[in-house]
N, C-alpha and C. Protein backbone atom coordinates (compact mmCIF):
# COMPACT_ATOMS: atom_id res chain seq x y z
N MET A 1 1.43 -22.08 -18.01
CA MET A 1 2.38 -21.18 -17.41
C MET A 1 1.64 -19.99 -16.81
N SER A 2 1.75 -19.77 -15.52
CA SER A 2 1.03 -18.68 -14.86
C SER A 2 1.86 -17.40 -14.92
N ALA A 3 1.15 -16.29 -15.08
CA ALA A 3 1.82 -14.99 -15.15
C ALA A 3 2.18 -14.52 -13.74
N LYS A 4 3.32 -13.87 -13.62
CA LYS A 4 3.72 -13.33 -12.33
C LYS A 4 2.83 -12.13 -12.02
N PRO A 5 2.44 -11.99 -10.76
CA PRO A 5 1.62 -10.82 -10.41
C PRO A 5 2.45 -9.54 -10.52
N ILE A 6 1.79 -8.46 -10.86
CA ILE A 6 2.45 -7.16 -10.92
C ILE A 6 2.30 -6.53 -9.54
N LEU A 7 3.41 -6.28 -8.90
CA LEU A 7 3.40 -5.78 -7.52
C LEU A 7 3.49 -4.26 -7.50
N ARG A 8 2.75 -3.68 -6.56
CA ARG A 8 2.80 -2.25 -6.30
C ARG A 8 2.84 -2.04 -4.80
N ARG A 9 3.34 -0.90 -4.38
CA ARG A 9 3.51 -0.59 -2.96
C ARG A 9 2.44 0.40 -2.51
N CYS A 10 1.79 0.08 -1.40
CA CYS A 10 0.81 0.98 -0.79
C CYS A 10 1.54 2.22 -0.28
N VAL A 11 1.00 3.41 -0.56
CA VAL A 11 1.67 4.64 -0.12
C VAL A 11 1.58 4.83 1.39
N ALA A 12 0.65 4.16 2.05
CA ALA A 12 0.49 4.33 3.49
C ALA A 12 1.30 3.31 4.29
N CYS A 13 1.05 2.01 4.08
CA CYS A 13 1.72 0.98 4.89
C CYS A 13 3.00 0.46 4.26
N ARG A 14 3.25 0.82 3.01
CA ARG A 14 4.47 0.48 2.28
C ARG A 14 4.62 -1.02 1.97
N GLN A 15 3.55 -1.80 2.07
CA GLN A 15 3.62 -3.23 1.75
C GLN A 15 3.47 -3.43 0.25
N LEU A 16 4.24 -4.38 -0.28
CA LEU A 16 4.11 -4.77 -1.68
C LEU A 16 2.96 -5.75 -1.80
N GLN A 17 2.07 -5.51 -2.76
CA GLN A 17 0.93 -6.39 -2.99
C GLN A 17 0.64 -6.44 -4.49
N ASP A 18 -0.11 -7.44 -4.88
CA ASP A 18 -0.59 -7.53 -6.26
C ASP A 18 -1.46 -6.31 -6.52
N ARG A 19 -1.24 -5.63 -7.64
CA ARG A 19 -1.96 -4.38 -7.90
C ARG A 19 -3.46 -4.57 -8.01
N ARG A 20 -3.92 -5.79 -8.29
CA ARG A 20 -5.36 -6.04 -8.38
C ARG A 20 -6.05 -5.93 -7.03
N HIS A 21 -5.28 -5.98 -5.94
CA HIS A 21 -5.85 -5.90 -4.60
C HIS A 21 -5.75 -4.50 -4.00
N LEU A 22 -5.28 -3.53 -4.78
CA LEU A 22 -5.09 -2.17 -4.30
C LEU A 22 -5.99 -1.20 -5.05
N TRP A 23 -6.28 -0.06 -4.41
CA TRP A 23 -6.97 1.03 -5.10
C TRP A 23 -5.92 1.85 -5.84
N ARG A 24 -6.25 2.26 -7.06
CA ARG A 24 -5.34 3.06 -7.86
C ARG A 24 -5.88 4.48 -7.96
N VAL A 25 -5.03 5.44 -7.63
CA VAL A 25 -5.37 6.85 -7.74
C VAL A 25 -4.42 7.45 -8.77
N ILE A 26 -4.97 8.13 -9.78
CA ILE A 26 -4.18 8.60 -10.92
C ILE A 26 -4.25 10.11 -11.05
N ARG A 27 -3.10 10.73 -11.30
CA ARG A 27 -3.07 12.15 -11.65
C ARG A 27 -3.02 12.22 -13.17
N ASP A 28 -4.12 12.65 -13.75
CA ASP A 28 -4.23 12.74 -15.21
C ASP A 28 -3.87 14.17 -15.63
N HIS A 29 -3.24 14.31 -16.77
CA HIS A 29 -2.80 15.64 -17.20
C HIS A 29 -3.97 16.54 -17.61
N LYS A 30 -5.13 15.97 -17.93
CA LYS A 30 -6.29 16.77 -18.34
C LYS A 30 -7.38 16.83 -17.27
N ASP A 31 -7.73 15.69 -16.70
CA ASP A 31 -8.91 15.59 -15.86
C ASP A 31 -8.64 15.70 -14.36
N GLY A 32 -7.44 15.94 -13.95
CA GLY A 32 -7.15 16.03 -12.53
C GLY A 32 -6.86 14.66 -11.92
N VAL A 33 -7.46 14.38 -10.78
CA VAL A 33 -7.22 13.13 -10.06
C VAL A 33 -8.39 12.18 -10.32
N LEU A 34 -8.07 10.98 -10.77
CA LEU A 34 -9.07 9.96 -11.11
C LEU A 34 -8.86 8.72 -10.26
N LEU A 35 -9.87 7.86 -10.24
CA LEU A 35 -9.77 6.58 -9.56
C LEU A 35 -9.85 5.45 -10.57
N ASP A 36 -9.02 4.45 -10.39
CA ASP A 36 -9.05 3.17 -11.10
C ASP A 36 -8.53 3.18 -12.53
N PHE A 37 -9.05 4.03 -13.40
CA PHE A 37 -8.68 3.96 -14.82
C PHE A 37 -8.17 5.30 -15.31
N GLY A 38 -7.17 5.23 -16.16
CA GLY A 38 -6.63 6.43 -16.76
C GLY A 38 -5.13 6.30 -16.95
N MET A 39 -4.58 7.26 -17.65
CA MET A 39 -3.15 7.30 -17.89
C MET A 39 -2.56 8.45 -17.08
N GLY A 40 -1.42 8.22 -16.50
CA GLY A 40 -0.76 9.28 -15.75
C GLY A 40 -0.03 8.71 -14.55
N ARG A 41 0.44 9.58 -13.72
CA ARG A 41 1.17 9.19 -12.51
C ARG A 41 0.19 8.53 -11.55
N SER A 42 0.58 7.37 -11.00
CA SER A 42 -0.32 6.60 -10.15
C SER A 42 0.23 6.41 -8.75
N ALA A 43 -0.68 6.29 -7.81
CA ALA A 43 -0.36 5.91 -6.44
C ALA A 43 -1.34 4.81 -6.06
N TYR A 44 -0.90 3.89 -5.23
CA TYR A 44 -1.73 2.75 -4.84
C TYR A 44 -1.96 2.78 -3.34
N LEU A 45 -3.14 2.30 -2.94
CA LEU A 45 -3.54 2.33 -1.54
C LEU A 45 -4.29 1.06 -1.20
N CYS A 46 -3.93 0.46 -0.07
CA CYS A 46 -4.65 -0.73 0.41
C CYS A 46 -6.09 -0.36 0.75
N PRO A 47 -7.04 -1.23 0.48
CA PRO A 47 -8.44 -0.95 0.84
C PRO A 47 -8.70 -1.25 2.32
N LYS A 48 -7.94 -0.60 3.19
CA LYS A 48 -8.09 -0.78 4.63
C LYS A 48 -8.27 0.59 5.28
N GLU A 49 -9.04 0.60 6.35
CA GLU A 49 -9.31 1.85 7.05
C GLU A 49 -8.03 2.50 7.56
N GLU A 50 -7.10 1.67 8.08
CA GLU A 50 -5.85 2.21 8.62
C GLU A 50 -5.03 2.90 7.54
N CYS A 51 -4.97 2.29 6.37
CA CYS A 51 -4.17 2.88 5.28
C CYS A 51 -4.81 4.15 4.75
N LEU A 52 -6.13 4.17 4.64
CA LEU A 52 -6.82 5.37 4.17
C LEU A 52 -6.61 6.52 5.15
N GLU A 53 -6.72 6.24 6.43
CA GLU A 53 -6.54 7.27 7.45
C GLU A 53 -5.09 7.77 7.48
N GLU A 54 -4.14 6.85 7.35
CA GLU A 54 -2.72 7.23 7.31
C GLU A 54 -2.43 8.10 6.10
N ALA A 55 -2.98 7.73 4.95
CA ALA A 55 -2.77 8.50 3.73
C ALA A 55 -3.38 9.89 3.86
N ARG A 56 -4.53 9.97 4.49
CA ARG A 56 -5.19 11.26 4.69
C ARG A 56 -4.40 12.13 5.68
N ARG A 57 -4.03 11.53 6.80
CA ARG A 57 -3.37 12.27 7.87
C ARG A 57 -2.00 12.80 7.46
N ARG A 58 -1.23 11.97 6.76
CA ARG A 58 0.13 12.37 6.38
C ARG A 58 0.26 12.84 4.93
N LYS A 59 -0.89 13.00 4.26
CA LYS A 59 -0.94 13.50 2.87
C LYS A 59 -0.07 12.66 1.94
N ARG A 60 -0.16 11.35 2.09
CA ARG A 60 0.67 10.44 1.29
C ARG A 60 0.28 10.46 -0.19
N LEU A 61 -1.01 10.56 -0.49
CA LEU A 61 -1.43 10.60 -1.90
C LEU A 61 -0.94 11.88 -2.57
N GLN A 62 -1.06 13.00 -1.88
CA GLN A 62 -0.58 14.27 -2.45
C GLN A 62 0.91 14.20 -2.74
N LYS A 63 1.68 13.63 -1.83
CA LYS A 63 3.12 13.54 -2.02
C LYS A 63 3.48 12.60 -3.17
N ALA A 64 2.79 11.47 -3.25
CA ALA A 64 3.08 10.50 -4.31
C ALA A 64 2.67 11.02 -5.69
N LEU A 65 1.55 11.72 -5.76
CA LEU A 65 1.05 12.21 -7.05
C LEU A 65 1.61 13.59 -7.40
N ARG A 66 2.22 14.24 -6.41
CA ARG A 66 2.79 15.58 -6.61
C ARG A 66 1.74 16.59 -7.04
N CYS A 67 0.56 16.50 -6.43
CA CYS A 67 -0.51 17.46 -6.68
C CYS A 67 -1.52 17.39 -5.54
N GLN A 68 -2.43 18.33 -5.50
CA GLN A 68 -3.49 18.31 -4.49
C GLN A 68 -4.52 17.24 -4.87
N VAL A 69 -4.95 16.47 -3.88
CA VAL A 69 -5.98 15.46 -4.09
C VAL A 69 -7.28 16.02 -3.51
N PRO A 70 -8.32 16.15 -4.34
CA PRO A 70 -9.58 16.72 -3.85
C PRO A 70 -10.19 15.85 -2.74
N ASP A 71 -10.89 16.52 -1.82
CA ASP A 71 -11.56 15.80 -0.74
C ASP A 71 -12.59 14.82 -1.28
N ALA A 72 -13.14 15.09 -2.46
CA ALA A 72 -14.14 14.20 -3.07
C ALA A 72 -13.53 12.82 -3.34
N VAL A 73 -12.27 12.77 -3.72
CA VAL A 73 -11.60 11.49 -3.98
C VAL A 73 -11.48 10.69 -2.68
N LEU A 74 -11.06 11.34 -1.61
CA LEU A 74 -10.94 10.66 -0.32
C LEU A 74 -12.31 10.23 0.20
N THR A 75 -13.33 11.05 -0.03
CA THR A 75 -14.69 10.69 0.37
C THR A 75 -15.17 9.48 -0.40
N THR A 76 -14.88 9.42 -1.69
CA THR A 76 -15.26 8.26 -2.51
C THR A 76 -14.57 6.99 -2.02
N LEU A 77 -13.28 7.09 -1.70
CA LEU A 77 -12.56 5.92 -1.18
C LEU A 77 -13.13 5.49 0.17
N ASN A 78 -13.50 6.45 1.00
CA ASN A 78 -14.10 6.13 2.28
C ASN A 78 -15.45 5.44 2.09
N GLY A 79 -16.20 5.87 1.08
CA GLY A 79 -17.47 5.22 0.75
C GLY A 79 -17.27 3.79 0.28
N ARG A 80 -16.25 3.57 -0.51
CA ARG A 80 -15.92 2.20 -0.95
C ARG A 80 -15.56 1.32 0.24
N LEU A 81 -14.83 1.91 1.17
CA LEU A 81 -14.44 1.17 2.36
C LEU A 81 -15.67 0.80 3.18
N SER A 82 -16.59 1.73 3.34
CA SER A 82 -17.82 1.47 4.09
C SER A 82 -18.66 0.41 3.39
N ALA A 83 -18.73 0.46 2.06
CA ALA A 83 -19.51 -0.52 1.30
C ALA A 83 -18.90 -1.91 1.44
N SER A 84 -17.59 -2.01 1.36
CA SER A 84 -16.95 -3.33 1.48
C SER A 84 -17.05 -3.87 2.90
N THR A 85 -17.02 -2.99 3.90
CA THR A 85 -17.18 -3.43 5.29
C THR A 85 -18.60 -3.94 5.51
N GLY A 86 -19.58 -3.27 4.93
CA GLY A 86 -20.96 -3.70 5.04
C GLY A 86 -21.20 -5.04 4.38
N GLU A 87 -20.56 -5.28 3.24
CA GLU A 87 -20.70 -6.57 2.54
C GLU A 87 -20.11 -7.70 3.35
N SER A 88 -18.94 -7.46 3.97
CA SER A 88 -18.31 -8.53 4.75
C SER A 88 -19.10 -8.81 6.02
N ALA A 89 -19.75 -7.79 6.60
CA ALA A 89 -20.57 -7.99 7.78
C ALA A 89 -21.81 -8.81 7.44
N GLU A 90 -22.39 -8.58 6.25
CA GLU A 90 -23.55 -9.32 5.81
C GLU A 90 -23.21 -10.78 5.53
N ALA A 91 -22.00 -11.03 5.08
CA ALA A 91 -21.58 -12.39 4.74
C ALA A 91 -21.45 -13.25 6.01
N ASN A 92 -21.15 -12.62 7.14
CA ASN A 92 -20.99 -13.37 8.40
C ASN A 92 -22.28 -13.67 8.99
């Protein structure tokens, strides 16, 4: 018996996807804004350049988390995007 995927909505493009395919950004009550692991209010984002740019431009993460998202978090996500783009280019 296979388990049903847990679906989450991207804050930028609003598409429902399996949460394992999305980046998770968390507002933690102690440590501020974290990536991937932690307890607290979460927002999900597709690992696509368009979604990251839309989230940055329209402040979608700030609105979803109800707090300021440090530029370091967006820079880290942009670095992940660049790393994954480089890996796919090497595979071709």
